[in-house]
C-alpha cells in the first residue's frame, strides 16, 4: 500500500462534485486571506463597520462558515480591505 493522496483537496471529502469542491477551496482561501489581513487590526465590530455588515456576520466569516458567503461577497470584502483580487481562468 502506498501513501498516495486519494483526494486533491480536503473538500473532496465533503462532496463528489468537483466544481463544488473547487468553489469551497476558493472561498476558504479568501476567508483565510481576510483573517490574515485583519488579524490584530480590527475588533469584530470595527471590521463589521468597514465591510458594511453586522458583527455576527463578521463572526461567521472569521470562523470559516463557507456556506454563508458567496464568492461575490468575499471578493467585495477583500476589495474593501484593499486586497488586490485577480481572477484567472485556466
PDB file of N, CA and C in Angstrom:
ATOM      1  N   UNK A   1       0.845  -1.179   0.000  1.00  0.00           N
ATOM      2  CA  UNK A   1       0.000   0.000   0.000  1.00  0.00           C
ATOM      3  C   UNK A   1       0.891   1.242   0.000  1.00  0.00           C
ATOM      4  N   UNK A   2       0.531   2.230  -0.827  1.00  0.00           N
ATOM      5  CA  UNK A   2       1.322   3.454  -0.914  1.00  0.00           C
ATOM      6  C   UNK A   2       0.673   4.559  -0.095  1.00  0.00           C
ATOM      7  N   UNK A   3       1.410   5.629   0.091  1.00  0.00           N
ATOM      8  CA  UNK A   3       0.907   6.777   0.832  1.00  0.00           C
ATOM      9  C   UNK A   3       0.385   7.863  -0.100  1.00  0.00           C
ATOM     10  N   UNK A   4      -0.141   7.474  -1.245  1.00  0.00           N
ATOM     11  CA  UNK A   4      -0.690   8.436  -2.195  1.00  0.00           C
ATOM     12  C   UNK A   4      -1.887   9.151  -1.592  1.00  0.00           C
ATOM     13  N   UNK A   5      -2.041  10.442  -1.952  1.00  0.00           N
ATOM     14  CA  UNK A   5      -3.245  11.165  -1.570  1.00  0.00           C
ATOM     15  C   UNK A   5      -4.372  10.725  -2.488  1.00  0.00           C
ATOM     16  N   UNK A   6      -5.482  10.375  -1.900  1.00  0.00           N
ATOM     17  CA  UNK A   6      -6.630   9.960  -2.691  1.00  0.00           C
ATOM     18  C   UNK A   6      -7.470  11.155  -3.133  1.00  0.00           C
ATOM     19  N   UNK A   7      -7.224  12.308  -2.518  1.00  0.00           N
ATOM     20  CA  UNK A   7      -8.019  13.494  -2.800  1.00  0.00           C
ATOM     21  C   UNK A   7      -7.102  14.667  -3.112  1.00  0.00           C
ATOM     22  N   UNK A   8      -7.540  15.522  -4.029  1.00  0.00           N
ATOM     23  CA  UNK A   8      -6.786  16.732  -4.353  1.00  0.00           C
ATOM     24  C   UNK A   8      -6.948  17.785  -3.262  1.00  0.00           C
ATOM     25  N   UNK A   9      -8.074  17.757  -2.578  1.00  0.00           N
ATOM     26  CA  UNK A   9      -8.402  18.757  -1.570  1.00  0.00           C
ATOM     27  C   UNK A   9      -9.212  18.100  -0.464  1.00  0.00           C
ATOM     28  N   UNK A  10      -9.143  18.659   0.729  1.00  0.00           N
ATOM     29  CA  UNK A  10      -9.978  18.130   1.813  1.00  0.00           C
ATOM     30  C   UNK A  10     -11.456  18.304   1.484  1.00  0.00           C
ATOM     31  N   UNK A  11     -11.782  19.274   0.633  1.00  0.00           N
ATOM     32  CA  UNK A  11     -13.177  19.482   0.261  1.00  0.00           C
ATOM     33  C   UNK A  11     -13.708  18.356  -0.622  1.00  0.00           C
ATOM     34  N   UNK A  12     -12.816  17.588  -1.228  1.00  0.00           N
ATOM     35  CA  UNK A  12     -13.245  16.416  -1.997  1.00  0.00           C
ATOM     36  C   UNK A  12     -13.884  15.371  -1.090  1.00  0.00           C
ATOM     37  N   UNK A  13     -13.573  15.428   0.197  1.00  0.00           N
ATOM     38  CA  UNK A  13     -14.183  14.506   1.154  1.00  0.00           C
ATOM     39  C   UNK A  13     -15.631  14.876   1.444  1.00  0.00           C
ATOM     40  N   UNK A  14     -15.963  16.148   1.240  1.00  0.00           N
ATOM     41  CA  UNK A  14     -17.292  16.653   1.561  1.00  0.00           C
ATOM     42  C   UNK A  14     -18.264  16.450   0.408  1.00  0.00           C
ATOM     43  N   UNK A  15     -17.763  16.581  -0.807  1.00  0.00           N
ATOM     44  CA  UNK A  15     -18.631  16.499  -1.979  1.00  0.00           C
ATOM     45  C   UNK A  15     -17.958  15.706  -3.090  1.00  0.00           C
ATOM     46  N   UNK A  16     -18.765  15.054  -3.874  1.00  0.00           N
ATOM     47  CA  UNK A  16     -18.260  14.347  -5.052  1.00  0.00           C
ATOM     48  C   UNK A  16     -18.242  15.251  -6.277  1.00  0.00           C
ATOM     49  N   UNK A  17     -18.803  16.445  -6.138  1.00  0.00           N
ATOM     50  CA  UNK A  17     -18.875  17.396  -7.247  1.00  0.00           C
ATOM     51  C   UNK A  17     -17.588  18.213  -7.287  1.00  0.00           C
ATOM     52  N   UNK A  18     -16.800  18.025  -8.327  1.00  0.00           N
ATOM     53  CA  UNK A  18     -15.514  18.701  -8.458  1.00  0.00           C
ATOM     54  C   UNK A  18     -15.664  20.220  -8.447  1.00  0.00           C
ATOM     55  N   UNK A  19     -16.699  20.738  -9.086  1.00  0.00           N
ATOM     56  CA  UNK A  19     -16.918  22.188  -9.128  1.00  0.00           C
ATOM     57  C   UNK A  19     -17.195  22.727  -7.727  1.00  0.00           C
ATOM     58  N   UNK A  20     -18.057  22.043  -6.979  1.00  0.00           N
ATOM     59  CA  UNK A  20     -18.354  22.477  -5.610  1.00  0.00           C
ATOM     60  C   UNK A  20     -17.105  22.450  -4.743  1.00  0.00           C
ATOM     61  N   UNK A  21     -16.293  21.429  -4.911  1.00  0.00           N
ATOM     62  CA  UNK A  21     -15.053  21.314  -4.143  1.00  0.00           C
ATOM     63  C   UNK A  21     -14.120  22.484  -4.442  1.00  0.00           C
ATOM     64  N   UNK A  22     -13.991  22.832  -5.707  1.00  0.00           N
ATOM     65  CA  UNK A  22     -13.110  23.945  -6.092  1.00  0.00           C
ATOM     66  C   UNK A  22     -13.636  25.279  -5.562  1.00  0.00           C
ATOM     67  N   UNK A  23     -14.945  25.463  -5.596  1.00  0.00           N
ATOM     68  CA  UNK A  23     -15.543  26.697  -5.075  1.00  0.00           C
ATOM     69  C   UNK A  23     -15.331  26.792  -3.567  1.00  0.00           C
ATOM     70  N   UNK A  24     -15.511  25.690  -2.848  1.00  0.00           N
ATOM     71  CA  UNK A  24     -15.262  25.696  -1.409  1.00  0.00           C
ATOM     72  C   UNK A  24     -13.805  26.029  -1.114  1.00  0.00           C
ATOM     73  N   UNK A  25     -12.903  25.506  -1.923  1.00  0.00           N
ATOM     74  CA  UNK A  25     -11.486  25.790  -1.737  1.00  0.00           C
ATOM     75  C   UNK A  25     -11.191  27.276  -1.973  1.00  0.00           C
ATOM     76  N   UNK A  26     -11.805  27.861  -3.009  1.00  0.00           N
ATOM     77  CA  UNK A  26     -11.622  29.292  -3.274  1.00  0.00           C
ATOM     78  C   UNK A  26     -12.147  30.133  -2.113  1.00  0.00           C
ATOM     79  N   UNK A  27     -13.343  29.788  -1.631  1.00  0.00           N
ATOM     80  CA  UNK A  27     -13.922  30.521  -0.507  1.00  0.00           C
ATOM     81  C   UNK A  27     -13.022  30.417   0.720  1.00  0.00           C
ATOM     82  N   UNK A  28     -12.532  29.231   0.978  1.00  0.00           N
ATOM     83  CA  UNK A  28     -11.652  29.020   2.123  1.00  0.00           C
ATOM     84  C   UNK A  28     -10.405  29.886   2.018  1.00  0.00           C
ATOM     85  N   UNK A  29      -9.795  29.924   0.847  1.00  0.00           N
ATOM     86  CA  UNK A  29      -8.600  30.748   0.645  1.00  0.00           C
ATOM     87  C   UNK A  29      -8.899  32.228   0.847  1.00  0.00           C
ATOM     88  N   UNK A  30     -10.064  32.675   0.388  1.00  0.00           N
ATOM     89  CA  UNK A  30     -10.435  34.079   0.557  1.00  0.00           C
ATOM     90  C   UNK A  30     -10.651  34.415   2.029  1.00  0.00           C
ATOM     91  N   UNK A  31     -11.324  33.530   2.742  1.00  0.00           N
ATOM     92  CA  UNK A  31     -11.555  33.759   4.168  1.00  0.00           C
ATOM     93  C   UNK A  31     -10.233  33.765   4.925  1.00  0.00           C
ATOM     94  N   UNK A  32      -9.334  32.870   4.578  1.00  0.00           N
ATOM     95  CA  UNK A  32      -8.014  32.864   5.223  1.00  0.00           C
ATOM     96  C   UNK A  32      -7.277  34.174   4.965  1.00  0.00           C
ATOM     97  N   UNK A  33      -7.385  34.701   3.768  1.00  0.00           N
ATOM     98  CA  UNK A  33      -6.741  35.977   3.445  1.00  0.00           C
ATOM     99  C   UNK A  33      -7.359  37.112   4.258  1.00  0.00           C
ATOM    100  N   UNK A  34      -8.675  37.115   4.366  1.00  0.00           N
ATOM    101  CA  UNK A  34      -9.354  38.139   5.169  1.00  0.00           C
ATOM    102  C   UNK A  34      -8.888  38.051   6.619  1.00  0.00           C
ATOM    103  N   UNK A  35      -8.816  36.844   7.144  1.00  0.00           N
ATOM    104  CA  UNK A  35      -8.348  36.673   8.523  1.00  0.00           C
ATOM    105  C   UNK A  35      -6.919  37.184   8.680  1.00  0.00           C
ATOM    106  N   UNK A  36      -6.082  36.886   7.699  1.00  0.00           N
ATOM    107  CA  UNK A  36      -4.677  37.292   7.776  1.00  0.00           C
ATOM    108  C   UNK A  36      -4.519  38.813   7.747  1.00  0.00           C
ATOM    109  N   UNK A  37      -5.216  39.479   6.836  1.00  0.00           N
ATOM    110  CA  UNK A  37      -5.030  40.930   6.701  1.00  0.00           C
ATOM    111  C   UNK A  37      -5.728  41.729   7.798  1.00  0.00           C
ATOM    112  N   UNK A  38      -6.655  41.110   8.520  1.00  0.00           N
ATOM    113  CA  UNK A  38      -7.369  41.838   9.574  1.00  0.00           C
ATOM    114  C   UNK A  38      -6.918  41.451  10.977  1.00  0.00           C
ATOM    115  N   UNK A  39      -6.159  40.396  11.108  1.00  0.00           N
ATOM    116  CA  UNK A  39      -5.746  39.893  12.420  1.00  0.00           C
ATOM    117  C   UNK A  39      -5.021  40.970  13.228  1.00  0.00           C
ATOM    118  N   UNK A  40      -5.567  41.246  14.395  1.00  0.00           N
ATOM    119  CA  UNK A  40      -4.957  42.218  15.294  1.00  0.00           C
ATOM    120  C   UNK A  40      -5.171  43.671  14.912  1.00  0.00           C
ATOM    121  N   UNK A  41      -5.863  43.919  13.813  1.00  0.00           N
ATOM    122  CA  UNK A  41      -6.067  45.293  13.339  1.00  0.00           C
ATOM    123  C   UNK A  41      -7.462  45.831  13.627  1.00  0.00           C
ATOM    124  N   UNK A  42      -8.426  44.934  13.757  1.00  0.00           N
ATOM    125  CA  UNK A  42      -9.815  45.345  13.927  1.00  0.00           C
ATOM    126  C   UNK A  42     -10.484  44.506  15.010  1.00  0.00           C
ATOM    127  N   UNK A  43     -11.402  45.133  15.731  1.00  0.00           N
ATOM    128  CA  UNK A  43     -12.347  44.343  16.515  1.00  0.00           C
ATOM    129  C   UNK A  43     -13.386  43.833  15.520  1.00  0.00           C
ATOM    130  N   UNK A  44     -14.174  42.860  15.926  1.00  0.00           N
ATOM    131  CA  UNK A  44     -15.219  42.378  15.023  1.00  0.00           C
ATOM    132  C   UNK A  44     -16.200  43.498  14.693  1.00  0.00           C
ATOM    133  N   UNK A  45     -16.482  44.346  15.669  1.00  0.00           N
ATOM    134  CA  UNK A  45     -17.407  45.457  15.433  1.00  0.00           C
ATOM    135  C   UNK A  45     -16.819  46.437  14.417  1.00  0.00           C
ATOM    136  N   UNK A  46     -15.543  46.774  14.569  1.00  0.00           N
ATOM    137  CA  UNK A  46     -14.897  47.691  13.622  1.00  0.00           C
ATOM    138  C   UNK A  46     -14.825  47.089  12.218  1.00  0.00           C
ATOM    139  N   UNK A  47     -14.526  45.796  12.154  1.00  0.00           N
ATOM    140  CA  UNK A  47     -14.473  45.127  10.853  1.00  0.00           C
ATOM    141  C   UNK A  47     -15.853  45.096  10.212  1.00  0.00           C
ATOM    142  N   UNK A  48     -16.876  44.871  11.023  1.00  0.00           N
ATOM    143  CA  UNK A  48     -18.248  44.883  10.509  1.00  0.00           C
ATOM    144  C   UNK A  48     -18.571  46.241   9.895  1.00  0.00           C
ATOM    145  N   UNK A  49     -18.185  47.315  10.573  1.00  0.00           N
ATOM    146  CA  UNK A  49     -18.426  48.661  10.036  1.00  0.00           C
ATOM    147  C   UNK A  49     -17.684  48.866   8.726  1.00  0.00           C
ATOM    148  N   UNK A  50     -16.451  48.414   8.652  1.00  0.00           N
ATOM    149  CA  UNK A  50     -15.651  48.572   7.431  1.00  0.00           C
ATOM    150  C   UNK A  50     -16.261  47.797   6.263  1.00  0.00           C
ATOM    151  N   UNK A  51     -16.774  46.599   6.550  1.00  0.00           N
ATOM    152  CA  UNK A  51     -17.337  45.756   5.491  1.00  0.00           C
ATOM    153  C   UNK A  51     -18.805  46.059   5.205  1.00  0.00           C
ATOM    154  N   UNK A  52     -19.448  46.819   6.085  1.00  0.00           N
ATOM    155  CA  UNK A  52     -20.857  47.147   5.895  1.00  0.00           C
ATOM    156  C   UNK A  52     -21.791  46.000   6.232  1.00  0.00           C
ATOM    157  N   UNK A  53     -21.397  45.214   7.239  1.00  0.00           N
ATOM    158  CA  UNK A  53     -22.209  44.074   7.674  1.00  0.00           C
ATOM    159  C   UNK A  53     -22.345  44.123   9.196  1.00  0.00           C
ATOM    160  N   UNK A  54     -23.065  43.167   9.751  1.00  0.00           N
ATOM    161  CA  UNK A  54     -23.229  43.102  11.201  1.00  0.00           C
ATOM    162  C   UNK A  54     -22.064  42.360  11.852  1.00  0.00           C
ATOM    163  N   UNK A  55     -21.888  42.577  13.150  1.00  0.00           N
ATOM    164  CA  UNK A  55     -20.840  41.865  13.883  1.00  0.00           C
ATOM    165  C   UNK A  55     -21.065  40.354  13.864  1.00  0.00           C
ATOM    166  N   UNK A  56     -22.314  39.859  14.026  1.00  0.00           N
ATOM    167  CA  UNK A  56     -22.495  38.403  13.936  1.00  0.00           C
ATOM    168  C   UNK A  56     -22.083  37.839  12.569  1.00  0.00           C
ATOM    169  N   UNK A  57     -22.269  38.629  11.522  1.00  0.00           N
ATOM    170  CA  UNK A  57     -21.853  38.189  10.177  1.00  0.00           C
ATOM    171  C   UNK A  57     -20.331  38.097  10.112  1.00  0.00           C
ATOM    172  N   UNK A  58     -19.639  39.050  10.708  1.00  0.00           N
ATOM    173  CA  UNK A  58     -18.175  39.005  10.759  1.00  0.00           C
ATOM    174  C   UNK A  58     -17.720  37.788  11.547  1.00  0.00           C
ATOM    175  N   UNK A  59     -18.402  37.482  12.633  1.00  0.00           N
ATOM    176  CA  UNK A  59     -18.055  36.303  13.428  1.00  0.00           C
ATOM    177  C   UNK A  59     -18.140  35.040  12.583  1.00  0.00           C
ATOM    178  N   UNK A  60     -19.213  34.908  11.813  1.00  0.00           N
ATOM    179  CA  UNK A  60     -19.350  33.748  10.921  1.00  0.00           C
ATOM    180  C   UNK A  60     -18.224  33.716   9.897  1.00  0.00           C
ATOM    181  N   UNK A  61     -17.898  34.882   9.358  1.00  0.00           N
ATOM    182  CA  UNK A  61     -16.832  34.987   8.364  1.00  0.00           C
ATOM    183  C   UNK A  61     -15.503  34.517   8.950  1.00  0.00           C
ATOM    184  N   UNK A  62     -15.133  35.067  10.086  1.00  0.00           N
ATOM    185  CA  UNK A  62     -13.836  34.752  10.687  1.00  0.00           C
ATOM    186  C   UNK A  62     -13.760  33.326  11.213  1.00  0.00           C
ATOM    187  N   UNK A  63     -14.928  32.719  11.438  1.00  0.00           N
ATOM    188  CA  UNK A  63     -14.963  31.328  11.882  1.00  0.00           C
ATOM    189  C   UNK A  63     -15.125  30.349  10.727  1.00  0.00           C
ATOM    190  N   UNK A  64     -15.038  30.858   9.494  1.00  0.00           N
ATOM    191  CA  UNK A  64     -14.972  29.991   8.326  1.00  0.00           C
ATOM    192  C   UNK A  64     -16.266  29.341   7.892  1.00  0.00           C
ATOM    193  N   UNK A  65     -17.381  30.006   8.090  1.00  0.00           N
ATOM    194  CA  UNK A  65     -18.669  29.459   7.656  1.00  0.00           C
ATOM    195  C   UNK A  65     -18.816  29.626   6.142  1.00  0.00           C
ATOM    196  N   UNK A  66     -18.218  28.722   5.389  1.00  0.00           N
ATOM    197  CA  UNK A  66     -18.161  28.824   3.928  1.00  0.00           C
ATOM    198  C   UNK A  66     -19.522  28.964   3.267  1.00  0.00           C
ATOM    199  N   UNK A  67     -20.491  28.198   3.766  1.00  0.00           N
ATOM    200  CA  UNK A  67     -21.791  28.155   3.099  1.00  0.00           C
ATOM    201  C   UNK A  67     -22.595  29.437   3.288  1.00  0.00           C
ATOM    202  N   UNK A  68     -22.178  30.297   4.215  1.00  0.00           N
ATOM    203  CA  UNK A  68     -22.909  31.529   4.479  1.00  0.00           C
ATOM    204  C   UNK A  68     -22.486  32.687   3.575  1.00  0.00           C
ATOM    205  N   UNK A  69     -21.470  32.466   2.729  1.00  0.00           N
ATOM    206  CA  UNK A  69     -20.929  33.545   1.917  1.00  0.00           C
ATOM    207  C   UNK A  69     -20.763  33.109   0.470  1.00  0.00           C
ATOM    208  N   UNK A  70     -21.113  34.015  -0.428  1.00  0.00           N
ATOM    209  CA  UNK A  70     -20.898  33.752  -1.854  1.00  0.00           C
ATOM    210  C   UNK A  70     -19.493  34.218  -2.231  1.00  0.00           C
ATOM    211  N   UNK A  71     -19.012  33.747  -3.361  1.00  0.00           N
ATOM    212  CA  UNK A  71     -17.724  34.223  -3.863  1.00  0.00           C
ATOM    213  C   UNK A  71     -17.763  35.737  -4.075  1.00  0.00           C
ATOM    214  N   UNK A  72     -18.870  36.233  -4.592  1.00  0.00           N
ATOM    215  CA  UNK A  72     -19.002  37.664  -4.847  1.00  0.00           C
ATOM    216  C   UNK A  72     -18.882  38.469  -3.554  1.00  0.00           C
ATOM    217  N   UNK A  73     -19.524  38.006  -2.491  1.00  0.00           N
ATOM    218  CA  UNK A  73     -19.413  38.708  -1.207  1.00  0.00           C
ATOM    219  C   UNK A  73     -17.973  38.732  -0.713  1.00  0.00           C
ATOM    220  N   UNK A  74     -17.305  37.599  -0.794  1.00  0.00           N
ATOM    221  CA  UNK A  74     -15.931  37.513  -0.306  1.00  0.00           C
ATOM    222  C   UNK A  74     -15.002  38.405  -1.118  1.00  0.00           C
ATOM    223  N   UNK A  75     -15.209  38.453  -2.426  1.00  0.00           N
ATOM    224  CA  UNK A  75     -14.415  39.347  -3.274  1.00  0.00           C
ATOM    225  C   UNK A  75     -14.661  40.801  -2.860  1.00  0.00           C
ATOM    226  N   UNK A  76     -15.910  41.142  -2.634  1.00  0.00           N
ATOM    227  CA  UNK A  76     -16.266  42.501  -2.209  1.00  0.00           C
ATOM    228  C   UNK A  76     -15.568  42.858  -0.896  1.00  0.00           C
ATOM    229  N   UNK A  77     -15.562  41.940   0.063  1.00  0.00           N
ATOM    230  CA  UNK A  77     -14.904  42.192   1.351  1.00  0.00           C
ATOM    231  C   UNK A  77     -13.406  42.399   1.158  1.00  0.00           C
ATOM    232  N   UNK A  78     -12.789  41.573   0.331  1.00  0.00           N
ATOM    233  CA  UNK A  78     -11.354  41.714   0.079  1.00  0.00           C
ATOM    234  C   UNK A  78     -11.039  43.072  -0.543  1.00  0.00           C
ATOM    235  N   UNK A  79     -11.856  43.498  -1.483  1.00  0.00           N
ATOM    236  CA  UNK A  79     -11.647  44.798  -2.122  1.00  0.00           C
ATOM    237  C   UNK A  79     -11.786  45.920  -1.093  1.00  0.00           C
ATOM    238  N   UNK A  80     -12.789  45.815  -0.216  1.00  0.00           N
ATOM    239  CA  UNK A  80     -12.968  46.823   0.834  1.00  0.00           C
ATOM    240  C   UNK A  80     -11.778  46.866   1.787  1.00  0.00           C
ATOM    241  N   UNK A  81     -11.050  45.766   1.877  1.00  0.00           N
ATOM    242  CA  UNK A  81      -9.863  45.694   2.732  1.00  0.00           C
ATOM    243  C   UNK A  81      -8.589  46.031   1.955  1.00  0.00           C
ATOM    244  N   UNK A  82      -8.757  46.552   0.747  1.00  0.00           N
ATOM    245  CA  UNK A  82      -7.636  46.959  -0.115  1.00  0.00           C
ATOM    246  C   UNK A  82      -6.729  45.802  -0.509  1.00  0.00           C
ATOM    247  N   UNK A  83      -7.321  44.624  -0.644  1.00  0.00           N
ATOM    248  CA  UNK A  83      -6.583  43.460  -1.126  1.00  0.00           C
ATOM    249  C   UNK A  83      -6.814  43.368  -2.631  1.00  0.00           C
ATOM    250  N   UNK A  84      -5.753  43.211  -3.385  1.00  0.00           N
ATOM    251  CA  UNK A  84      -5.876  43.048  -4.830  1.00  0.00           C
ATOM    252  C   UNK A  84      -6.440  41.664  -5.126  1.00  0.00           C
ATOM    253  N   UNK A  85      -7.512  41.639  -5.888  1.00  0.00           N
ATOM    254  CA  UNK A  85      -8.149  40.376  -6.268  1.00  0.00           C
ATOM    255  C   UNK A  85      -7.980  40.206  -7.768  1.00  0.00           C
ATOM    256  N   UNK A  86      -7.377  39.106  -8.164  1.00  0.00           N
ATOM    257  CA  UNK A  86      -7.221  38.781  -9.578  1.00  0.00           C
ATOM    258  C   UNK A  86      -7.880  37.436  -9.823  1.00  0.00           C
ATOM    259  N   UNK A  87      -8.618  37.349 -10.908  1.00  0.00           N
ATOM    260  CA  UNK A  87      -9.299  36.104 -11.252  1.00  0.00           C
ATOM    261  C   UNK A  87      -8.670  35.558 -12.525  1.00  0.00           C
ATOM    262  N   UNK A  88      -8.207  34.325 -12.448  1.00  0.00           N
ATOM    263  CA  UNK A  88      -7.603  33.654 -13.596  1.00  0.00           C
ATOM    264  C   UNK A  88      -8.476  32.476 -13.987  1.00  0.00           C
ATOM    265  N   UNK A  89      -8.702  32.338 -15.266  1.00  0.00           N
ATOM    266  CA  UNK A  89      -9.451  31.199 -15.784  1.00  0.00           C
ATOM    267  C   UNK A  89      -8.478  30.367 -16.591  1.00  0.00           C
ATOM    268  N   UNK A  90      -8.375  29.106 -16.241  1.00  0.00           N
ATOM    269  CA  UNK A  90      -7.397  28.231 -16.879  1.00  0.00           C
ATOM    270  C   UNK A  90      -8.107  27.087 -17.562  1.00  0.00           C
TER     271      UNK A  90
END
